[in-house]
Amino acid sequence: MTHPTQKLDDVVHQKTRLGMLAVLSEVRRADFNFLKATLELSDGNLSRHLQVLSEAGLVKLDKVFEGNRPRTWVAITKAGRSAFNSEIASLKALMDRLDGNGLPKAGS
């Protein structure tokens, strides 16, 4: 029997990236400043985590100009939503195991 922690995804599971995917799963898209404020991140920290998620194909970045000001929009991709849902399922399986649901007896 595989332990539920073996199914956790290192890209998704990191606290900040998991938070980003959680926020993005609730909206159609969010702008950089909204994510920054909601997750209480610095520009550099948010940028780096967005880069990781983007390179993994989990989010899509759209950099546009509105008036003369640059704006970055972020949306979760289909792959991102699937990865997020898988992560949540793995965490639920871990919690069930810790709550004693389906916990194998020691030595079996």
C-alpha atoms as a PDB file:
ATOM      1  CA  MET A   1       0.000   0.000   0.000  1.00  0.00           C
ATOM      2  CA  THR A   2       1.444   3.364  -1.051  1.00  0.00           C
ATOM      3  CA  HIS A   3       1.508   6.012   1.650  1.00  0.00           C
ATOM      4  CA  PRO A   4      -0.569   9.102   0.686  1.00  0.00           C
ATOM      5  CA  THR A   5       2.475  11.364   1.031  1.00  0.00           C
ATOM      6  CA  GLN A   6       4.053   9.602  -1.956  1.00  0.00           C
ATOM      7  CA  LYS A   7       1.393  11.161  -4.173  1.00  0.00           C
ATOM      8  CA  LEU A   8       2.115  14.758  -3.110  1.00  0.00           C
ATOM      9  CA  ASP A   9       3.502  16.838  -5.984  1.00  0.00           C
ATOM     10  CA  ASP A  10       6.613  18.856  -5.073  1.00  0.00           C
ATOM     11  CA  VAL A  11       5.694  21.669  -7.474  1.00  0.00           C
ATOM     12  CA  VAL A  12       2.140  22.013  -6.164  1.00  0.00           C
ATOM     13  CA  HIS A  13       2.664  21.125  -2.517  1.00  0.00           C
ATOM     14  CA  GLN A  14       4.965  24.034  -1.673  1.00  0.00           C
ATOM     15  CA  LYS A  15       2.909  26.334   0.594  1.00  0.00           C
ATOM     16  CA  THR A  16       2.952  29.460  -1.569  1.00  0.00           C
ATOM     17  CA  ARG A  17       2.253  27.628  -4.827  1.00  0.00           C
ATOM     18  CA  LEU A  18      -0.549  25.610  -3.225  1.00  0.00           C
ATOM     19  CA  GLY A  19      -2.042  28.884  -2.008  1.00  0.00           C
ATOM     20  CA  MET A  20      -1.743  30.425  -5.454  1.00  0.00           C
ATOM     21  CA  LEU A  21      -3.506  27.482  -7.086  1.00  0.00           C
ATOM     22  CA  ALA A  22      -6.207  27.572  -4.392  1.00  0.00           C
ATOM     23  CA  VAL A  23      -6.894  31.254  -5.047  1.00  0.00           C
ATOM     24  CA  LEU A  24      -6.814  30.767  -8.814  1.00  0.00           C
ATOM     25  CA  SER A  25      -9.195  27.805  -8.611  1.00  0.00           C
ATOM     26  CA  GLU A  26     -11.808  30.151  -7.142  1.00  0.00           C
ATOM     27  CA  VAL A  27     -11.696  32.788  -9.898  1.00  0.00           C
ATOM     28  CA  ARG A  28     -11.536  32.964 -13.694  1.00  0.00           C
ATOM     29  CA  ARG A  29      -8.277  34.927 -13.446  1.00  0.00           C
ATOM     30  CA  ALA A  30      -6.459  37.202 -11.009  1.00  0.00           C
ATOM     31  CA  ASP A  31      -3.988  39.992 -11.498  1.00  0.00           C
ATOM     32  CA  PHE A  32      -0.511  40.054 -10.025  1.00  0.00           C
ATOM     33  CA  ASN A  33      -1.352  42.673  -7.384  1.00  0.00           C
ATOM     34  CA  PHE A  34      -4.407  40.744  -6.182  1.00  0.00           C
ATOM     35  CA  LEU A  35      -2.329  37.589  -5.692  1.00  0.00           C
ATOM     36  CA  LYS A  36       0.437  39.584  -4.034  1.00  0.00           C
ATOM     37  CA  ALA A  37      -1.958  41.180  -1.532  1.00  0.00           C
ATOM     38  CA  THR A  38      -4.059  38.069  -0.907  1.00  0.00           C
ATOM     39  CA  LEU A  39      -1.054  35.831  -0.235  1.00  0.00           C
ATOM     40  CA  GLU A  40       1.043  38.585   1.402  1.00  0.00           C
ATOM     41  CA  LEU A  41       4.038  38.079  -0.887  1.00  0.00           C
ATOM     42  CA  SER A  42       6.755  40.349  -2.205  1.00  0.00           C
ATOM     43  CA  ASP A  43       6.962  41.083  -5.934  1.00  0.00           C
ATOM     44  CA  GLY A  44      10.055  38.909  -6.287  1.00  0.00           C
ATOM     45  CA  ASN A  45       8.658  35.985  -4.320  1.00  0.00           C
ATOM     46  CA  LEU A  46       5.399  35.978  -6.277  1.00  0.00           C
ATOM     47  CA  SER A  47       7.249  36.320  -9.588  1.00  0.00           C
ATOM     48  CA  ARG A  48       9.471  33.342  -8.855  1.00  0.00           C
ATOM     49  CA  HIS A  49       6.593  31.078  -7.836  1.00  0.00           C
ATOM     50  CA  LEU A  50       4.568  32.154 -10.882  1.00  0.00           C
ATOM     51  CA  GLN A  51       7.543  31.257 -13.051  1.00  0.00           C
ATOM     52  CA  VAL A  52       7.714  27.756 -11.536  1.00  0.00           C
ATOM     53  CA  LEU A  53       3.976  27.187 -12.009  1.00  0.00           C
ATOM     54  CA  SER A  54       4.063  28.597 -15.533  1.00  0.00           C
ATOM     55  CA  GLU A  55       7.027  26.423 -16.569  1.00  0.00           C
ATOM     56  CA  ALA A  56       5.143  23.395 -15.226  1.00  0.00           C
ATOM     57  CA  GLY A  57       2.112  24.368 -17.341  1.00  0.00           C
ATOM     58  CA  LEU A  58      -0.093  24.878 -14.277  1.00  0.00           C
ATOM     59  CA  VAL A  59      -0.841  28.566 -14.825  1.00  0.00           C
ATOM     60  CA  LYS A  60      -1.051  30.858 -17.835  1.00  0.00           C
ATOM     61  CA  LEU A  61       0.381  34.378 -17.637  1.00  0.00           C
ATOM     62  CA  ASP A  62      -0.957  37.197 -19.789  1.00  0.00           C
ATOM     63  CA  LYS A  63       1.113  40.377 -19.709  1.00  0.00           C
ATOM     64  CA  VAL A  64      -0.838  43.291 -21.133  1.00  0.00           C
ATOM     65  CA  PHE A  65      -0.797  47.064 -21.099  1.00  0.00           C
ATOM     66  CA  GLU A  66      -3.853  48.855 -19.788  1.00  0.00           C
ATOM     67  CA  GLY A  67      -3.368  52.453 -20.705  1.00  0.00           C
ATOM     68  CA  ASN A  68       0.354  52.959 -20.230  1.00  0.00           C
ATOM     69  CA  ARG A  69       0.597  50.555 -17.303  1.00  0.00           C
ATOM     70  CA  PRO A  70       1.696  46.937 -17.486  1.00  0.00           C
ATOM     71  CA  ARG A  71      -0.590  44.374 -15.891  1.00  0.00           C
ATOM     72  CA  THR A  72      -0.088  40.645 -15.452  1.00  0.00           C
ATOM     73  CA  TRP A  73      -3.121  38.389 -15.398  1.00  0.00           C
ATOM     74  CA  VAL A  74      -2.828  34.829 -14.107  1.00  0.00           C
ATOM     75  CA  ALA A  75      -5.218  31.940 -14.760  1.00  0.00           C
ATOM     76  CA  ILE A  76      -5.070  28.333 -13.694  1.00  0.00           C
ATOM     77  CA  THR A  77      -4.822  25.909 -16.623  1.00  0.00           C
ATOM     78  CA  LYS A  78      -6.691  22.641 -17.045  1.00  0.00           C
ATOM     79  CA  ALA A  79      -3.478  20.846 -16.006  1.00  0.00           C
ATOM     80  CA  GLY A  80      -3.179  23.182 -13.023  1.00  0.00           C
ATOM     81  CA  ARG A  81      -6.716  22.473 -11.883  1.00  0.00           C
ATOM     82  CA  SER A  82      -6.092  18.730 -12.243  1.00  0.00           C
ATOM     83  CA  ALA A  83      -2.812  18.956 -10.286  1.00  0.00           C
ATOM     84  CA  PHE A  84      -4.506  21.025  -7.565  1.00  0.00           C
ATOM     85  CA  ASN A  85      -7.409  18.567  -7.292  1.00  0.00           C
ATOM     86  CA  SER A  86      -4.967  15.636  -7.106  1.00  0.00           C
ATOM     87  CA  GLU A  87      -3.039  17.390  -4.353  1.00  0.00           C
ATOM     88  CA  ILE A  88      -6.224  17.980  -2.366  1.00  0.00           C
ATOM     89  CA  ALA A  89      -7.226  14.325  -2.829  1.00  0.00           C
ATOM     90  CA  SER A  90      -3.810  13.219  -1.549  1.00  0.00           C
ATOM     91  CA  LEU A  91      -4.106  15.504   1.466  1.00  0.00           C
ATOM     92  CA  LYS A  92      -7.600  14.149   2.183  1.00  0.00           C
ATOM     93  CA  ALA A  93      -6.270  10.584   1.950  1.00  0.00           C
ATOM     94  CA  LEU A  94      -3.523  11.493   4.394  1.00  0.00           C
ATOM     95  CA  MET A  95      -6.032  13.056   6.799  1.00  0.00           C
ATOM     96  CA  ASP A  96      -8.280   9.975   6.561  1.00  0.00           C
ATOM     97  CA  ARG A  97      -5.287   7.811   7.349  1.00  0.00           C
ATOM     98  CA  LEU A  98      -4.337   9.955  10.341  1.00  0.00           C
ATOM     99  CA  ASP A  99      -7.941   9.909  11.579  1.00  0.00           C
ATOM    100  CA  GLY A 100      -7.784   6.097  11.598  1.00  0.00           C
ATOM    101  CA  ASN A 101      -9.921   5.554   8.520  1.00  0.00           C
ATOM    102  CA  GLY A 102      -8.315   2.712   6.645  1.00  0.00           C
ATOM    103  CA  LEU A 103      -5.152   2.803   8.761  1.00  0.00           C
ATOM    104  CA  PRO A 104      -3.424  -0.552   8.476  1.00  0.00           C
ATOM    105  CA  LYS A 105      -2.588  -2.257  11.746  1.00  0.00           C
ATOM    106  CA  ALA A 106       1.066  -2.238  12.754  1.00  0.00           C
ATOM    107  CA  GLY A 107       2.870  -5.300  11.449  1.00  0.00           C
ATOM    108  CA  SER A 108       0.389  -6.067   8.673  1.00  0.00           C
END
